[in-house]
Amino acid sequence: MRAYAARWSIPAAHLIMHDEIPANLYELRRGVADFVIGQDAVQQGALPLSLLADYIQLKQQPPKEFYHTDIRVLLRHNIENLL
C-alpha cells in the first residue's frame, strides 16, 4: 500500500483491516496494514441472531435493551500486548 501511495503521490494512505484473523495479523506484523480493528465475534455476530430467533420463534423479549461490546484497534506497536 505504501509503495502504491508513493508511486501516485498520495501523501497519507493507510490500510485498515477488519477482524483479528491470522491473515490480517500477519499483514499487520509485516507492516502492510496500519491497523486491524478487532471485534468480539460472538457478542456482535452470534448473539444478535440468537436474540432474534428467540423473539421470532418464542416471542421472548431480549433480557437487556442494550448490549455493549468491545472493540480493539491493533497496531504493530501494541499487537503483542493485546493478543
Protein backbone atom coordinates (compact mmCIF):
# COMPACT_ATOMS: atom_id res chain seq x y z
CA MET A 1 0.00 0.00 0.00
CA ARG A 2 2.80 2.43 0.84
CA ALA A 3 4.52 1.71 -2.47
CA TYR A 4 1.28 2.41 -4.30
CA ALA A 5 0.82 5.65 -2.37
CA ALA A 6 4.39 6.75 -3.08
CA ARG A 7 4.09 5.92 -6.77
CA TRP A 8 0.95 8.00 -7.17
CA SER A 9 1.98 10.75 -4.72
CA ILE A 10 -0.76 10.02 -2.23
CA PRO A 11 0.53 11.61 0.98
CA ALA A 12 -1.23 9.65 3.71
CA ALA A 13 -2.68 6.36 2.52
CA HIS A 14 -3.35 3.81 5.26
CA LEU A 15 -4.56 0.25 5.04
CA ILE A 16 -7.06 -0.64 7.76
CA MET A 17 -8.23 -4.23 8.10
CA HIS A 18 -11.22 -5.58 9.96
CA ASP A 19 -11.27 -8.74 12.12
CA GLU A 20 -8.47 -10.33 14.09
CA ILE A 21 -7.94 -13.25 11.74
CA PRO A 22 -4.45 -14.74 11.28
CA ALA A 23 -4.01 -13.35 7.75
CA ASN A 24 -4.77 -9.78 8.89
CA LEU A 25 -2.48 -10.07 11.92
CA TYR A 26 0.28 -11.38 9.68
CA GLU A 27 -0.04 -8.35 7.38
CA LEU A 28 -0.07 -6.03 10.39
CA ARG A 29 3.15 -7.55 11.73
CA ARG A 30 4.75 -7.23 8.27
CA GLY A 31 3.81 -3.55 8.13
CA VAL A 32 1.48 -3.94 5.15
CA ALA A 33 -1.57 -2.98 7.22
CA ASP A 34 -1.51 0.00 9.55
CA PHE A 35 -4.40 -1.03 11.80
CA VAL A 36 -6.58 -4.05 12.47
CA ILE A 37 -9.94 -3.36 14.04
CA GLY A 38 -10.95 -6.29 16.20
CA GLN A 39 -14.36 -7.22 17.48
CA ASP A 40 -15.97 -9.76 19.75
CA ALA A 41 -17.44 -12.04 17.08
CA VAL A 42 -19.72 -13.89 19.49
CA GLN A 43 -21.17 -10.74 21.03
CA GLN A 44 -21.54 -8.88 17.73
CA GLY A 45 -22.32 -11.79 15.41
CA ALA A 46 -23.92 -14.79 17.09
CA LEU A 47 -25.79 -13.11 19.95
CA PRO A 48 -27.98 -10.84 17.79
CA LEU A 49 -29.10 -13.80 15.68
CA SER A 50 -29.86 -15.84 18.78
CA LEU A 51 -31.88 -12.99 20.29
CA LEU A 52 -33.75 -12.51 17.02
CA ALA A 53 -34.57 -16.22 16.75
CA ASP A 54 -35.85 -16.24 20.35
CA TYR A 55 -38.00 -13.21 19.59
CA ILE A 56 -39.49 -14.62 16.38
CA GLN A 57 -39.96 -18.22 17.47
CA LEU A 58 -40.65 -17.89 21.19
CA LYS A 59 -41.99 -14.31 21.34
CA GLN A 60 -39.34 -13.76 24.02
CA GLN A 61 -38.01 -10.23 24.51
CA PRO A 62 -34.23 -9.87 24.94
CA PRO A 63 -33.23 -9.75 28.63
CA LYS A 64 -31.50 -6.38 28.14
CA GLU A 65 -32.24 -3.40 25.94
CA PHE A 66 -28.57 -2.71 25.12
CA TYR A 67 -25.53 -4.96 24.77
CA HIS A 68 -22.24 -3.10 24.93
CA THR A 69 -19.45 -4.73 23.01
CA ASP A 70 -15.70 -4.45 22.96
CA ILE A 71 -13.67 -3.19 20.05
CA ARG A 72 -9.90 -3.18 19.79
CA VAL A 73 -7.60 -1.28 17.49
CA LEU A 74 -4.40 -3.24 16.97
CA LEU A 75 -1.20 -1.59 15.77
CA ARG A 76 2.23 -3.06 15.15
CA HIS A 77 3.29 -1.37 18.38
CA ASN A 78 0.63 -2.92 20.61
CA ILE A 79 -0.28 -6.21 18.93
CA GLU A 80 1.79 -8.46 21.18
CA ASN A 81 0.43 -6.83 24.35
CA LEU A 82 -3.21 -7.18 23.31
CA LEU A 83 -3.27 -10.71 21.93
